[in-house]
Amino acid sequence: MRAVIQRVKSASVRVDDQVVGAVEHGLMVLLGVGIGDTEKDAAWLAEKTANLRIFEDDEDKMNLSLRDIGGSALVVSQFTLYADARKGRRPSFTEAASPDQADALYRVYVNLLAEQGIPVQTGQFRAKMLVTIENDGPVTIIIDTRQVLTP
């Protein structure tokens, strides 16, 4: 799984001019599911997301996690995180999981993040979405579970 995690003052996602998810002071998580990803990837990433210390403490040091600040997460599925643009001009998405597998693992991740005590909002899987992000910092972290979980 690949995640682009952004510390935000606010974030929202709209589908057909309707807000389907929004958060204040928390994280925006763009989540991609790749071929071969498993629930183990989702569990590791959910724990990492909840406890990643990227919020400032009283001394302006990034020492606090989403859990510590009582923040929320907006999670949006984004298969384009698996784009391969090495050849030609049109990216290939052959490493992205099938929609059924991706939706299932996306839901597992969202549920496991909520089990970590994090209020979670989501986008709408496979919908055309308009995402608004007010990145705080800016702080943007990219995590690929294959870089940490693959033996």
Protein backbone atom coordinates (compact mmCIF):
# COMPACT_ATOMS: atom_id res chain seq x y z
CA MET A 1 0.00 0.00 0.00
CA ARG A 2 1.10 3.52 -0.67
CA ALA A 3 -0.04 6.51 1.29
CA VAL A 4 0.53 10.20 0.90
CA ILE A 5 -0.14 11.59 4.38
CA GLN A 6 -0.58 15.33 4.73
CA ARG A 7 -0.95 17.29 7.94
CA VAL A 8 -3.92 19.57 7.34
CA LYS A 9 -5.74 22.46 8.94
CA SER A 10 -8.75 21.26 6.93
CA ALA A 11 -9.58 18.93 4.09
CA SER A 12 -12.74 17.92 2.29
CA VAL A 13 -13.88 15.78 -0.58
CA ARG A 14 -16.87 16.46 -2.80
CA VAL A 15 -18.76 14.18 -5.18
CA ASP A 16 -21.35 15.75 -7.48
CA ASP A 17 -21.16 19.05 -5.55
CA GLN A 18 -21.91 17.29 -2.25
CA VAL A 19 -19.37 17.12 0.58
CA VAL A 20 -18.99 13.42 1.40
CA GLY A 21 -16.14 13.78 3.90
CA ALA A 22 -14.37 16.57 5.74
CA VAL A 23 -11.92 17.05 8.62
CA GLU A 24 -10.44 19.92 10.60
CA HIS A 25 -6.93 19.76 12.09
CA GLY A 26 -5.81 16.27 11.25
CA LEU A 27 -4.58 14.21 8.35
CA MET A 28 -5.46 13.83 4.69
CA VAL A 29 -4.53 10.33 3.56
CA LEU A 30 -4.42 9.53 -0.15
CA LEU A 31 -4.32 5.72 -0.22
CA GLY A 32 -3.27 3.44 -3.06
CA VAL A 33 -3.60 -0.34 -3.02
CA GLY A 34 -1.22 -2.38 -5.12
CA ILE A 35 -1.27 -5.92 -6.45
CA GLY A 36 -0.21 -8.27 -3.68
CA ASP A 37 -1.12 -5.97 -0.80
CA THR A 38 -2.75 -7.72 2.16
CA GLU A 39 -4.52 -7.00 5.42
CA LYS A 40 -1.07 -7.06 7.03
CA ASP A 41 -0.18 -3.98 4.96
CA ALA A 42 -3.42 -2.27 5.99
CA ALA A 43 -2.88 -3.05 9.69
CA TRP A 44 0.71 -1.80 9.70
CA LEU A 45 -0.21 1.36 7.82
CA ALA A 46 -3.24 2.12 10.05
CA GLU A 47 -1.09 1.84 13.18
CA LYS A 48 1.63 3.99 11.60
CA THR A 49 -0.89 6.63 10.51
CA ALA A 50 -2.47 6.94 13.96
CA ASN A 51 0.88 7.21 15.73
CA LEU A 52 3.06 9.13 13.26
CA ARG A 53 4.46 12.07 15.24
CA ILE A 54 4.10 14.95 12.80
CA PHE A 55 2.20 17.51 14.90
CA GLU A 56 4.00 20.15 16.97
CA ASP A 57 4.17 20.11 20.73
CA ASP A 58 4.43 23.22 22.96
CA GLU A 59 8.07 23.65 21.90
CA ASP A 60 7.23 23.57 18.17
CA LYS A 61 8.82 20.13 17.71
CA MET A 62 7.05 17.42 15.73
CA ASN A 63 6.42 15.19 18.72
CA LEU A 64 2.69 14.55 18.68
CA SER A 65 0.61 12.05 16.75
CA LEU A 66 -2.88 12.30 15.35
CA ARG A 67 -4.00 10.26 18.32
CA ASP A 68 -2.24 12.67 20.75
CA ILE A 69 -3.96 15.77 19.35
CA GLY A 70 -7.40 14.17 19.05
CA GLY A 71 -7.41 14.81 15.31
CA SER A 72 -9.34 13.19 12.49
CA ALA A 73 -8.35 11.62 9.19
CA LEU A 74 -9.89 11.99 5.75
CA VAL A 75 -8.99 8.92 3.67
CA VAL A 76 -9.39 8.98 -0.10
CA SER A 77 -8.63 6.01 -2.34
CA GLN A 78 -6.21 6.94 -5.13
CA PHE A 79 -5.07 4.20 -7.51
CA THR A 80 -2.94 6.74 -9.38
CA LEU A 81 -0.32 6.42 -6.62
CA TYR A 82 0.68 3.28 -8.54
CA ALA A 83 1.30 5.16 -11.78
CA ASP A 84 4.36 4.04 -13.73
CA ALA A 85 5.49 6.88 -15.97
CA ARG A 86 8.91 5.50 -16.92
CA LYS A 87 7.92 4.78 -20.53
CA GLY A 88 6.01 6.95 -22.95
CA ARG A 89 3.81 9.83 -21.94
CA ARG A 90 0.77 8.03 -20.61
CA PRO A 91 1.20 6.42 -17.19
CA SER A 92 0.55 2.72 -16.76
CA PHE A 93 -1.42 1.51 -13.75
CA THR A 94 -0.68 -2.22 -14.03
CA GLU A 95 0.69 -2.34 -10.47
CA ALA A 96 -2.57 -1.05 -8.97
CA ALA A 97 -4.85 -3.66 -7.44
CA SER A 98 -8.13 -4.53 -9.12
CA PRO A 99 -11.05 -2.34 -8.02
CA ASP A 100 -12.59 -5.16 -5.94
CA GLN A 101 -9.34 -5.92 -4.11
CA ALA A 102 -8.53 -2.22 -3.68
CA ASP A 103 -11.97 -1.40 -2.28
CA ALA A 104 -11.78 -4.29 0.20
CA LEU A 105 -8.33 -3.31 1.51
CA TYR A 106 -9.23 0.39 1.52
CA ARG A 107 -12.18 -0.47 3.80
CA VAL A 108 -9.96 -2.65 6.00
CA TYR A 109 -7.50 0.24 6.41
CA VAL A 110 -10.29 2.71 7.23
CA ASN A 111 -11.81 0.34 9.80
CA LEU A 112 -8.44 -0.42 11.42
CA LEU A 113 -7.62 3.30 11.61
CA ALA A 114 -10.96 3.87 13.34
CA GLU A 115 -10.13 1.02 15.74
CA GLN A 116 -7.00 3.02 16.66
CA GLY A 117 -9.40 5.62 18.06
CA ILE A 118 -9.19 7.97 15.10
CA PRO A 119 -12.38 9.58 13.76
CA VAL A 120 -12.31 8.79 10.03
CA GLN A 121 -14.09 10.39 7.10
CA THR A 122 -13.79 8.99 3.58
CA GLY A 123 -14.19 9.81 -0.03
CA GLN A 124 -16.36 7.70 -2.32
CA PHE A 125 -14.56 4.76 -3.89
CA ARG A 126 -14.33 4.94 -7.73
CA ALA A 127 -16.12 8.29 -7.88
CA LYS A 128 -14.77 11.41 -9.53
CA MET A 129 -13.91 13.51 -6.50
CA LEU A 130 -12.87 17.09 -5.90
CA VAL A 131 -10.45 17.18 -2.97
CA THR A 132 -9.64 20.39 -1.14
CA ILE A 133 -6.60 20.36 1.13
CA GLU A 134 -5.23 23.10 3.36
CA ASN A 135 -1.81 21.56 4.01
CA ASP A 136 -0.37 22.64 7.36
CA GLY A 137 3.36 23.24 7.35
CA PRO A 138 3.41 21.98 4.67
CA VAL A 139 4.01 18.50 6.04
CA THR A 140 3.69 15.63 3.56
CA ILE A 141 4.91 12.09 4.25
CA ILE A 142 4.98 9.28 1.68
CA ILE A 143 4.85 5.71 2.95
CA ASP A 144 5.07 2.51 0.90
CA THR A 145 4.51 -0.66 2.93
CA ARG A 146 6.59 -2.67 0.48
CA GLN A 147 9.64 -0.72 1.62
CA VAL A 148 9.14 -1.85 5.22
CA LEU A 149 7.20 -5.12 5.15
CA THR A 150 8.85 -6.95 2.26
CA PRO A 151 11.57 -9.36 3.47
